[in-house]
PDB file of N, CA and C in Angstrom:
ATOM      1  N   MET A   1       8.171 -12.362  -7.444  1.00  0.00           N
ATOM      2  CA  MET A   1       9.071 -11.449  -6.774  1.00  0.00           C
ATOM      3  C   MET A   1       8.636 -11.322  -5.319  1.00  0.00           C
ATOM      4  N   ARG A   2       9.563 -11.333  -4.454  1.00  0.00           N
ATOM      5  CA  ARG A   2       9.242 -11.150  -3.038  1.00  0.00           C
ATOM      6  C   ARG A   2       9.729  -9.789  -2.586  1.00  0.00           C
ATOM      7  N   ARG A   3       8.889  -9.097  -1.930  1.00  0.00           N
ATOM      8  CA  ARG A   3       9.216  -7.807  -1.343  1.00  0.00           C
ATOM      9  C   ARG A   3       9.251  -8.005   0.164  1.00  0.00           C
ATOM     10  N   PRO A   4      10.142  -7.331   0.876  1.00  0.00           N
ATOM     11  CA  PRO A   4      10.158  -7.507   2.331  1.00  0.00           C
ATOM     12  C   PRO A   4       8.752  -7.339   2.912  1.00  0.00           C
ATOM     13  N   GLY A   5       8.279  -8.382   3.552  1.00  0.00           N
ATOM     14  CA  GLY A   5       6.957  -8.324   4.167  1.00  0.00           C
ATOM     15  C   GLY A   5       5.807  -8.602   3.213  1.00  0.00           C
ATOM     16  N   GLY A   6       6.081  -9.005   1.973  1.00  0.00           N
ATOM     17  CA  GLY A   6       4.988  -9.245   1.051  1.00  0.00           C
ATOM     18  C   GLY A   6       5.356 -10.191  -0.075  1.00  0.00           C
ATOM     19  N   TYR A   7       4.357 -10.623  -0.805  1.00  0.00           N
ATOM     20  CA  TYR A   7       4.538 -11.546  -1.911  1.00  0.00           C
ATOM     21  C   TYR A   7       3.766 -11.049  -3.122  1.00  0.00           C
ATOM     22  N   THR A   8       4.162 -11.516  -4.294  1.00  0.00           N
ATOM     23  CA  THR A   8       3.423 -11.239  -5.511  1.00  0.00           C
ATOM     24  C   THR A   8       2.493 -12.420  -5.765  1.00  0.00           C
ATOM     25  N   PHE A   9       1.263 -12.157  -6.166  1.00  0.00           N
ATOM     26  CA  PHE A   9       0.329 -13.229  -6.451  1.00  0.00           C
ATOM     27  C   PHE A   9      -0.678 -12.756  -7.476  1.00  0.00           C
ATOM     28  N   THR A  10      -1.469 -13.690  -7.980  1.00  0.00           N
ATOM     29  CA  THR A  10      -2.518 -13.353  -8.933  1.00  0.00           C
ATOM     30  C   THR A  10      -3.871 -13.599  -8.283  1.00  0.00           C
ATOM     31  N   ILE A  11      -4.892 -12.949  -8.821  1.00  0.00           N
ATOM     32  CA  ILE A  11      -6.260 -13.112  -8.339  1.00  0.00           C
ATOM     33  C   ILE A  11      -7.052 -13.767  -9.454  1.00  0.00           C
ATOM     34  N   GLU A  12      -7.782 -14.794  -9.110  1.00  0.00           N
ATOM     35  CA  GLU A  12      -8.522 -15.533 -10.122  1.00  0.00           C
ATOM     36  C   GLU A  12      -9.823 -16.038  -9.516  1.00  0.00           C
ATOM     37  N   ASN A  13     -10.905 -15.942 -10.279  1.00  0.00           N
ATOM     38  CA  ASN A  13     -12.177 -16.511  -9.813  1.00  0.00           C
ATOM     39  C   ASN A  13     -12.169 -18.013 -10.035  1.00  0.00           C
ATOM     40  N   LYS A  14     -12.744 -18.740  -9.084  1.00  0.00           N
ATOM     41  CA  LYS A  14     -12.935 -20.173  -9.265  1.00  0.00           C
ATOM     42  C   LYS A  14     -14.147 -20.382 -10.151  1.00  0.00           C
ATOM     43  N   LYS A  15     -14.147 -21.475 -10.884  1.00  0.00           N
ATOM     44  CA  LYS A  15     -15.286 -21.783 -11.744  1.00  0.00           C
ATOM     45  C   LYS A  15     -16.554 -21.827 -10.893  1.00  0.00           C
ATOM     46  N   GLY A  16     -17.564 -21.124 -11.310  1.00  0.00           N
ATOM     47  CA  GLY A  16     -18.818 -21.097 -10.579  1.00  0.00           C
ATOM     48  C   GLY A  16     -18.958 -19.913  -9.644  1.00  0.00           C
ATOM     49  N   ASP A  17     -17.852 -19.183  -9.375  1.00  0.00           N
ATOM     50  CA  ASP A  17     -17.952 -18.000  -8.526  1.00  0.00           C
ATOM     51  C   ASP A  17     -18.730 -16.906  -9.253  1.00  0.00           C
ATOM     52  N   HIS A  18     -19.424 -16.092  -8.489  1.00  0.00           N
ATOM     53  CA  HIS A  18     -20.141 -14.967  -9.071  1.00  0.00           C
ATOM     54  C   HIS A  18     -19.114 -13.981  -9.626  1.00  0.00           C
ATOM     55  N   PRO A  19     -19.299 -13.464 -10.848  1.00  0.00           N
ATOM     56  CA  PRO A  19     -18.318 -12.545 -11.450  1.00  0.00           C
ATOM     57  C   PRO A  19     -18.029 -11.307 -10.601  1.00  0.00           C
ATOM     58  N   MET A  20     -18.990 -10.840  -9.826  1.00  0.00           N
ATOM     59  CA  MET A  20     -18.768  -9.645  -9.015  1.00  0.00           C
ATOM     60  C   MET A  20     -17.786  -9.895  -7.878  1.00  0.00           C
ATOM     61  N   SER A  21     -17.628 -11.161  -7.478  1.00  0.00           N
ATOM     62  CA  SER A  21     -16.732 -11.431  -6.356  1.00  0.00           C
ATOM     63  C   SER A  21     -15.292 -11.075  -6.699  1.00  0.00           C
ATOM     64  N   LEU A  22     -14.871 -11.255  -7.943  1.00  0.00           N
ATOM     65  CA  LEU A  22     -13.517 -10.887  -8.333  1.00  0.00           C
ATOM     66  C   LEU A  22     -13.326  -9.379  -8.220  1.00  0.00           C
ATOM     67  N   GLY A  23     -14.279  -8.604  -8.708  1.00  0.00           N
ATOM     68  CA  GLY A  23     -14.183  -7.150  -8.611  1.00  0.00           C
ATOM     69  C   GLY A  23     -14.154  -6.674  -7.165  1.00  0.00           C
ATOM     70  N   GLU A  24     -14.936  -7.313  -6.324  1.00  0.00           N
ATOM     71  CA  GLU A  24     -14.943  -6.958  -4.900  1.00  0.00           C
ATOM     72  C   GLU A  24     -13.587  -7.266  -4.266  1.00  0.00           C
ATOM     73  N   ASN A  25     -13.013  -8.402  -4.626  1.00  0.00           N
ATOM     74  CA  ASN A  25     -11.701  -8.772  -4.079  1.00  0.00           C
ATOM     75  C   ASN A  25     -10.617  -7.799  -4.530  1.00  0.00           C
ATOM     76  N   ILE A  26     -10.644  -7.405  -5.787  1.00  0.00           N
ATOM     77  CA  ILE A  26      -9.656  -6.442  -6.292  1.00  0.00           C
ATOM     78  C   ILE A  26      -9.818  -5.117  -5.557  1.00  0.00           C
ATOM     79  N   ALA A  27     -11.057  -4.671  -5.384  1.00  0.00           N
ATOM     80  CA  ALA A  27     -11.305  -3.395  -4.697  1.00  0.00           C
ATOM     81  C   ALA A  27     -10.775  -3.442  -3.262  1.00  0.00           C
ATOM     82  N   ARG A  28     -10.973  -4.557  -2.581  1.00  0.00           N
ATOM     83  CA  ARG A  28     -10.456  -4.684  -1.212  1.00  0.00           C
ATOM     84  C   ARG A  28      -8.936  -4.616  -1.180  1.00  0.00           C
ATOM     85  N   LEU A  29      -8.298  -5.296  -2.124  1.00  0.00           N
ATOM     86  CA  LEU A  29      -6.831  -5.287  -2.152  1.00  0.00           C
ATOM     87  C   LEU A  29      -6.281  -3.916  -2.506  1.00  0.00           C
ATOM     88  N   MET A  30      -6.968  -3.189  -3.373  1.00  0.00           N
ATOM     89  CA  MET A  30      -6.480  -1.862  -3.774  1.00  0.00           C
ATOM     90  C   MET A  30      -6.494  -0.878  -2.607  1.00  0.00           C
ATOM     91  N   GLN A  31      -7.298  -1.144  -1.599  1.00  0.00           N
ATOM     92  CA  GLN A  31      -7.367  -0.270  -0.427  1.00  0.00           C
ATOM     93  C   GLN A  31      -6.264  -0.560   0.585  1.00  0.00           C
ATOM     94  N   ARG A  32      -5.578  -1.679   0.415  1.00  0.00           N
ATOM     95  CA  ARG A  32      -4.562  -2.083   1.386  1.00  0.00           C
ATOM     96  C   ARG A  32      -3.199  -1.524   1.031  1.00  0.00           C
ATOM     97  N   LYS A  33      -2.369  -1.348   2.043  1.00  0.00           N
ATOM     98  CA  LYS A  33      -1.003  -0.891   1.819  1.00  0.00           C
ATOM     99  C   LYS A  33      -0.151  -2.048   1.303  1.00  0.00           C
ATOM    100  N   HIS A  34       0.833  -1.718   0.514  1.00  0.00           N
ATOM    101  CA  HIS A  34       1.842  -2.661   0.027  1.00  0.00           C
ATOM    102  C   HIS A  34       1.291  -3.723  -0.918  1.00  0.00           C
ATOM    103  N   TYR A  35       0.173  -3.452  -1.587  1.00  0.00           N
ATOM    104  CA  TYR A  35      -0.340  -4.297  -2.652  1.00  0.00           C
ATOM    105  C   TYR A  35      -0.277  -3.465  -3.922  1.00  0.00           C
ATOM    106  N   TYR A  36       0.412  -3.966  -4.930  1.00  0.00           N
ATOM    107  CA  TYR A  36       0.623  -3.217  -6.164  1.00  0.00           C
ATOM    108  C   TYR A  36       0.132  -4.042  -7.342  1.00  0.00           C
ATOM    109  N   PHE A  37      -0.390  -3.363  -8.340  1.00  0.00           N
ATOM    110  CA  PHE A  37      -0.976  -4.026  -9.496  1.00  0.00           C
ATOM    111  C   PHE A  37      -0.242  -3.650 -10.767  1.00  0.00           C
ATOM    112  N   VAL A  38      -0.116  -4.617 -11.664  1.00  0.00           N
ATOM    113  CA  VAL A  38       0.298  -4.327 -13.036  1.00  0.00           C
ATOM    114  C   VAL A  38      -0.949  -3.766 -13.706  1.00  0.00           C
ATOM    115  N   PRO A  39      -0.860  -2.620 -14.381  1.00  0.00           N
ATOM    116  CA  PRO A  39      -2.052  -2.047 -15.002  1.00  0.00           C
ATOM    117  C   PRO A  39      -2.785  -3.068 -15.884  1.00  0.00           C
ATOM    118  N   TYR A  40      -4.106  -3.029 -15.843  1.00  0.00           N
ATOM    119  CA  TYR A  40      -4.914  -4.019 -16.548  1.00  0.00           C
ATOM    120  C   TYR A  40      -6.119  -3.363 -17.195  1.00  0.00           C
ATOM    121  N   GLY A  41      -6.742  -4.104 -18.104  1.00  0.00           N
ATOM    122  CA  GLY A  41      -7.950  -3.634 -18.768  1.00  0.00           C
ATOM    123  C   GLY A  41      -8.686  -4.803 -19.390  1.00  0.00           C
ATOM    124  N   GLN A  42      -9.834  -4.535 -19.977  1.00  0.00           N
ATOM    125  CA  GLN A  42     -10.615  -5.580 -20.641  1.00  0.00           C
ATOM    126  C   GLN A  42      -9.957  -5.934 -21.958  1.00  0.00           C
ATOM    127  N   ASP A  43      -9.815  -7.231 -22.226  1.00  0.00           N
ATOM    128  CA  ASP A  43      -9.226  -7.634 -23.497  1.00  0.00           C
ATOM    129  C   ASP A  43     -10.275  -7.828 -24.585  1.00  0.00           C
ATOM    130  N   ASP A  44     -11.494  -8.198 -24.213  1.00  0.00           N
ATOM    131  CA  ASP A  44     -12.575  -8.369 -25.190  1.00  0.00           C
ATOM    132  C   ASP A  44     -13.908  -8.114 -24.494  1.00  0.00           C
ATOM    133  N   PRO A  45     -14.315  -6.829 -24.384  1.00  0.00           N
ATOM    134  CA  PRO A  45     -15.497  -6.500 -23.592  1.00  0.00           C
ATOM    135  C   PRO A  45     -16.812  -7.079 -24.122  1.00  0.00           C
ATOM    136  N   PHE A  46     -16.871  -7.446 -25.396  1.00  0.00           N
ATOM    137  CA  PHE A  46     -18.122  -7.971 -25.944  1.00  0.00           C
ATOM    138  C   PHE A  46     -18.225  -9.481 -25.784  1.00  0.00           C
ATOM    139  N   ALA A  47     -17.176 -10.210 -26.129  1.00  0.00           N
ATOM    140  CA  ALA A  47     -17.206 -11.668 -26.016  1.00  0.00           C
ATOM    141  C   ALA A  47     -16.952 -12.131 -24.585  1.00  0.00           C
ATOM    142  N   LYS A  48     -16.132 -11.381 -23.836  1.00  0.00           N
ATOM    143  CA  LYS A  48     -15.779 -11.765 -22.462  1.00  0.00           C
ATOM    144  C   LYS A  48     -15.901 -10.536 -21.557  1.00  0.00           C
ATOM    145  N   PRO A  49     -17.126 -10.129 -21.240  1.00  0.00           N
ATOM    146  CA  PRO A  49     -17.311  -8.879 -20.491  1.00  0.00           C
ATOM    147  C   PRO A  49     -16.736  -8.893 -19.071  1.00  0.00           C
ATOM    148  N   GLN A  50     -16.483 -10.054 -18.504  1.00  0.00           N
ATOM    149  CA  GLN A  50     -15.939 -10.140 -17.146  1.00  0.00           C
ATOM    150  C   GLN A  50     -14.431 -10.362 -17.136  1.00  0.00           C
ATOM    151  N   SER A  51     -13.801 -10.357 -18.306  1.00  0.00           N
ATOM    152  CA  SER A  51     -12.383 -10.698 -18.415  1.00  0.00           C
ATOM    153  C   SER A  51     -11.491  -9.465 -18.298  1.00  0.00           C
ATOM    154  N   LEU A  52     -10.477  -9.550 -17.464  1.00  0.00           N
ATOM    155  CA  LEU A  52      -9.468  -8.504 -17.332  1.00  0.00           C
ATOM    156  C   LEU A  52      -8.110  -9.112 -17.608  1.00  0.00           C
ATOM    157  N   LYS A  53      -7.242  -8.334 -18.255  1.00  0.00           N
ATOM    158  CA  LYS A  53      -5.928  -8.842 -18.617  1.00  0.00           C
ATOM    159  C   LYS A  53      -4.880  -7.772 -18.321  1.00  0.00           C
ATOM    160  N   ALA A  54      -3.823  -8.178 -17.631  1.00  0.00           N
ATOM    161  CA  ALA A  54      -2.730  -7.247 -17.331  1.00  0.00           C
ATOM    162  C   ALA A  54      -1.936  -6.972 -18.595  1.00  0.00           C
ATOM    163  N   ASP A  55      -1.423  -5.751 -18.719  1.00  0.00           N
ATOM    164  CA  ASP A  55      -0.536  -5.390 -19.819  1.00  0.00           C
ATOM    165  C   ASP A  55       0.886  -5.724 -19.369  1.00  0.00           C
ATOM    166  N   LEU A  56       1.351  -6.917 -19.716  1.00  0.00           N
ATOM    167  CA  LEU A  56       2.643  -7.392 -19.224  1.00  0.00           C
ATOM    168  C   LEU A  56       3.821  -6.601 -19.772  1.00  0.00           C
ATOM    169  N   ALA A  57       3.597  -5.806 -20.803  1.00  0.00           N
ATOM    170  CA  ALA A  57       4.655  -4.911 -21.280  1.00  0.00           C
ATOM    171  C   ALA A  57       4.984  -3.867 -20.217  1.00  0.00           C
ATOM    172  N   LEU A  58       4.033  -3.610 -19.317  1.00  0.00           N
ATOM    173  CA  LEU A  58       4.233  -2.646 -18.234  1.00  0.00           C
ATOM    174  C   LEU A  58       4.788  -3.290 -16.961  1.00  0.00           C
ATOM    175  N   LEU A  59       5.034  -4.597 -16.992  1.00  0.00           N
ATOM    176  CA  LEU A  59       5.507  -5.289 -15.797  1.00  0.00           C
ATOM    177  C   LEU A  59       6.809  -4.718 -15.240  1.00  0.00           C
ATOM    178  N   PRO A  60       7.858  -4.484 -16.053  1.00  0.00           N
ATOM    179  CA  PRO A  60       9.091  -3.919 -15.481  1.00  0.00           C
ATOM    180  C   PRO A  60       8.861  -2.560 -14.803  1.00  0.00           C
ATOM    181  N   ALA A  61       8.079  -1.693 -15.428  1.00  0.00           N
ATOM    182  CA  ALA A  61       7.795  -0.383 -14.838  1.00  0.00           C
ATOM    183  C   ALA A  61       6.962  -0.528 -13.566  1.00  0.00           C
ATOM    184  N   ALA A  62       6.031  -1.500 -13.543  1.00  0.00           N
ATOM    185  CA  ALA A  62       5.199  -1.723 -12.357  1.00  0.00           C
ATOM    186  C   ALA A  62       6.049  -2.237 -11.192  1.00  0.00           C
ATOM    187  N   VAL A  63       7.011  -3.110 -11.487  1.00  0.00           N
ATOM    188  CA  VAL A  63       7.897  -3.621 -10.441  1.00  0.00           C
ATOM    189  C   VAL A  63       8.774  -2.501  -9.892  1.00  0.00           C
ATOM    190  N   ASP A  64       9.332  -1.686 -10.776  1.00  0.00           N
ATOM    191  CA  ASP A  64      10.152  -0.557 -10.325  1.00  0.00           C
ATOM    192  C   ASP A  64       9.356   0.379  -9.419  1.00  0.00           C
ATOM    193  N   ALA A  65       8.123   0.685  -9.825  1.00  0.00           N
ATOM    194  CA  ALA A  65       7.279   1.569  -9.018  1.00  0.00           C
ATOM    195  C   ALA A  65       6.962   0.924  -7.673  1.00  0.00           C
ATOM    196  N   ALA A  66       6.648  -0.374  -7.665  1.00  0.00           N
ATOM    197  CA  ALA A  66       6.318  -1.064  -6.416  1.00  0.00           C
ATOM    198  C   ALA A  66       7.504  -1.077  -5.460  1.00  0.00           C
ATOM    199  N   LEU A  67       8.705  -1.230  -5.987  1.00  0.00           N
ATOM    200  CA  LEU A  67       9.892  -1.219  -5.128  1.00  0.00           C
ATOM    201  C   LEU A  67      10.116   0.150  -4.499  1.00  0.00           C
ATOM    202  N   ARG A  68       9.583   1.196  -5.133  1.00  0.00           N
ATOM    203  CA  ARG A  68       9.640   2.547  -4.563  1.00  0.00           C
ATOM    204  C   ARG A  68       8.434   2.813  -3.655  1.00  0.00           C
ATOM    205  N   GLY A  69       7.531   1.838  -3.551  1.00  0.00           N
ATOM    206  CA  GLY A  69       6.333   2.003  -2.729  1.00  0.00           C
ATOM    207  C   GLY A  69       5.241   2.783  -3.428  1.00  0.00           C
ATOM    208  N   GLU A  70       5.241   2.786  -4.762  1.00  0.00           N
ATOM    209  CA  GLU A  70       4.252   3.535  -5.549  1.00  0.00           C
ATOM    210  C   GLU A  70       3.491   2.587  -6.463  1.00  0.00           C
ATOM    211  N   GLN A  71       2.265   2.974  -6.805  1.00  0.00           N
ATOM    212  CA  GLN A  71       1.461   2.236  -7.762  1.00  0.00           C
ATOM    213  C   GLN A  71       1.605   2.895  -9.127  1.00  0.00           C
ATOM    214  N   LEU A  72       1.972   2.111 -10.144  1.00  0.00           N
ATOM    215  CA  LEU A  72       2.041   2.627 -11.510  1.00  0.00           C
ATOM    216  C   LEU A  72       0.636   3.038 -11.944  1.00  0.00           C
ATOM    217  N   GLN A  73       0.518   4.234 -12.523  1.00  0.00           N
ATOM    218  CA  GLN A  73      -0.779   4.768 -12.943  1.00  0.00           C
ATOM    219  C   GLN A  73      -0.847   4.903 -14.456  1.00  0.00           C
ATOM    220  N   PRO A  74      -2.002   4.814 -15.041  1.00  0.00           N
ATOM    221  CA  PRO A  74      -3.270   4.421 -14.452  1.00  0.00           C
ATOM    222  C   PRO A  74      -3.315   2.894 -14.242  1.00  0.00           C
ATOM    223  N   VAL A  75      -4.061   2.452 -13.248  1.00  0.00           N
ATOM    224  CA  VAL A  75      -4.180   1.027 -12.982  1.00  0.00           C
ATOM    225  C   VAL A  75      -5.160   0.395 -13.957  1.00  0.00           C
ATOM    226  N   LEU A  76      -6.294   1.061 -14.180  1.00  0.00           N
ATOM    227  CA  LEU A  76      -7.308   0.541 -15.086  1.00  0.00           C
ATOM    228  C   LEU A  76      -7.119   1.176 -16.459  1.00  0.00           C
ATOM    229  N   LEU A  77      -6.791   0.343 -17.433  1.00  0.00           N
ATOM    230  CA  LEU A  77      -6.528   0.807 -18.791  1.00  0.00           C
ATOM    231  C   LEU A  77      -7.777   0.635 -19.643  1.00  0.00           C
ATOM    232  N   GLY A  78      -7.753   1.238 -20.805  1.00  0.00           N
ATOM    233  CA  GLY A  78      -8.845   1.051 -21.763  1.00  0.00           C
ATOM    234  C   GLY A  78      -8.787  -0.355 -22.334  1.00  0.00           C
ATOM    235  N   GLN A  79      -9.574  -0.611 -23.374  1.00  0.00           N
ATOM    236  CA  GLN A  79      -9.624  -1.949 -23.983  1.00  0.00           C
ATOM    237  C   GLN A  79      -8.252  -2.381 -24.448  1.00  0.00           C
ATOM    238  N   ARG A  80      -7.880  -3.615 -24.105  1.00  0.00           N
ATOM    239  CA  ARG A  80      -6.587  -4.187 -24.476  1.00  0.00           C
ATOM    240  C   ARG A  80      -6.780  -5.134 -25.635  1.00  0.00           C
ATOM    241  N   ASN A  81      -5.855  -5.179 -26.538  1.00  0.00           N
ATOM    242  CA  ASN A  81      -5.908  -6.137 -27.647  1.00  0.00           C
ATOM    243  C   ASN A  81      -5.109  -7.370 -27.266  1.00  0.00           C
ATOM    244  N   ALA A  82      -5.565  -8.513 -27.747  1.00  0.00           N
ATOM    245  CA  ALA A  82      -4.930  -9.832 -27.576  1.00  0.00           C
ATOM    246  C   ALA A  82      -5.385 -10.534 -26.387  1.00  0.00           C
TER     247      ALA A  82
END
C-alpha cells in the first residue's frame, strides 16, 4: 500500500546479522512520523527467542488506523500461536 509520501515495507535481518540490530532498527522506526506497524509478538519464545510475527488478522484495522495517521494499539502483543 502506498500512502502519500510513504511506502509500506517489511524489516528483516540478514543472515549473520546480530539479533539486536533488528530490535534497534524497529525502535528507530517507531520514533519516526508516518511509520505504522501491524501489531506483532513472539510466535515461539522458547524455540525461536528472536522471532517476531505480525498478527495479519489485524492488518485491515492497522491499515485503517494508519490512513487516519494513528498507530493501532497495542503494537507489541503477547505470545502468538502459529
